[in-house]
């Protein structure tokens, strides 16, 4: 969803909430994040958790770039 004048405040709050709840790997270097995933993503369920968080990050960045 694009940010429009009518939904801007809600989208910014959503982004802030997402940013507040970032997993620890989001502040790691690329190598540290890759190692964390290697060590901790051990099955399909845990992979889905990580992929959903990454997807939310991409969507946030996309929508923020359009603001």
Protein backbone atom coordinates (compact mmCIF):
# COMPACT_ATOMS: atom_id res chain seq x y z
CA UNK A 1 0.00 0.00 0.00
CA UNK A 2 1.34 3.39 -0.98
CA UNK A 3 1.54 6.18 1.57
CA UNK A 4 -1.07 8.81 0.85
CA UNK A 5 -2.06 11.95 2.79
CA UNK A 6 -4.99 10.02 4.29
CA UNK A 7 -3.00 7.03 5.56
CA UNK A 8 0.41 8.62 6.16
CA UNK A 9 0.12 8.82 9.97
CA UNK A 10 -1.05 5.22 10.27
CA UNK A 11 1.73 3.97 7.98
CA UNK A 12 4.37 5.94 9.91
CA UNK A 13 3.10 4.50 13.20
CA UNK A 14 3.17 1.01 11.69
CA UNK A 15 6.75 1.60 10.51
CA UNK A 16 7.78 2.90 13.93
CA UNK A 17 6.19 -0.13 15.60
CA UNK A 18 8.00 -2.42 13.16
CA UNK A 19 11.28 -0.66 13.82
CA UNK A 20 10.82 -0.97 17.56
CA UNK A 21 10.30 -4.72 17.26
CA UNK A 22 13.25 -5.51 15.01
CA UNK A 23 14.91 -8.80 15.77
CA UNK A 24 18.49 -8.65 17.04
CA UNK A 25 19.89 -9.76 13.67
CA UNK A 26 18.62 -6.57 12.06
CA UNK A 27 21.41 -4.63 13.80
CA UNK A 28 24.13 -7.14 12.90
CA UNK A 29 26.60 -6.95 10.06
CA UNK A 30 25.76 -8.96 6.97
CA UNK A 31 28.19 -11.70 8.01
CA UNK A 32 26.81 -11.83 11.55
CA UNK A 33 23.23 -12.02 10.27
CA UNK A 34 24.13 -14.79 7.85
CA UNK A 35 25.80 -16.76 10.65
CA UNK A 36 22.84 -16.20 12.98
CA UNK A 37 20.48 -17.54 10.32
CA UNK A 38 22.81 -20.48 9.67
CA UNK A 39 22.87 -21.30 13.38
CA UNK A 40 19.21 -20.69 14.22
CA UNK A 41 17.06 -21.36 11.15
CA UNK A 42 16.82 -25.10 11.40
CA UNK A 43 13.44 -25.96 9.89
CA UNK A 44 10.70 -24.61 7.67
CA UNK A 45 8.81 -22.98 10.54
CA UNK A 46 11.82 -20.97 11.72
CA UNK A 47 12.66 -20.03 8.12
CA UNK A 48 9.14 -18.67 7.66
CA UNK A 49 9.50 -16.52 10.78
CA UNK A 50 12.69 -14.95 9.44
CA UNK A 51 11.32 -14.51 5.91
CA UNK A 52 8.20 -12.76 7.19
CA UNK A 53 10.30 -10.29 9.18
CA UNK A 54 12.54 -9.62 6.18
CA UNK A 55 9.48 -9.16 3.94
CA UNK A 56 8.03 -6.61 6.36
CA UNK A 57 11.33 -4.76 6.25
CA UNK A 58 11.33 -4.67 2.47
CA UNK A 59 7.75 -3.43 2.35
CA UNK A 60 8.52 -0.75 4.94
CA UNK A 61 11.53 0.43 2.95
CA UNK A 62 9.54 0.43 -0.28
CA UNK A 63 6.68 2.41 1.23
CA UNK A 64 9.04 4.78 3.03
CA UNK A 65 10.87 5.50 -0.23
CA UNK A 66 7.54 6.48 -1.81
CA UNK A 67 6.69 8.91 1.03
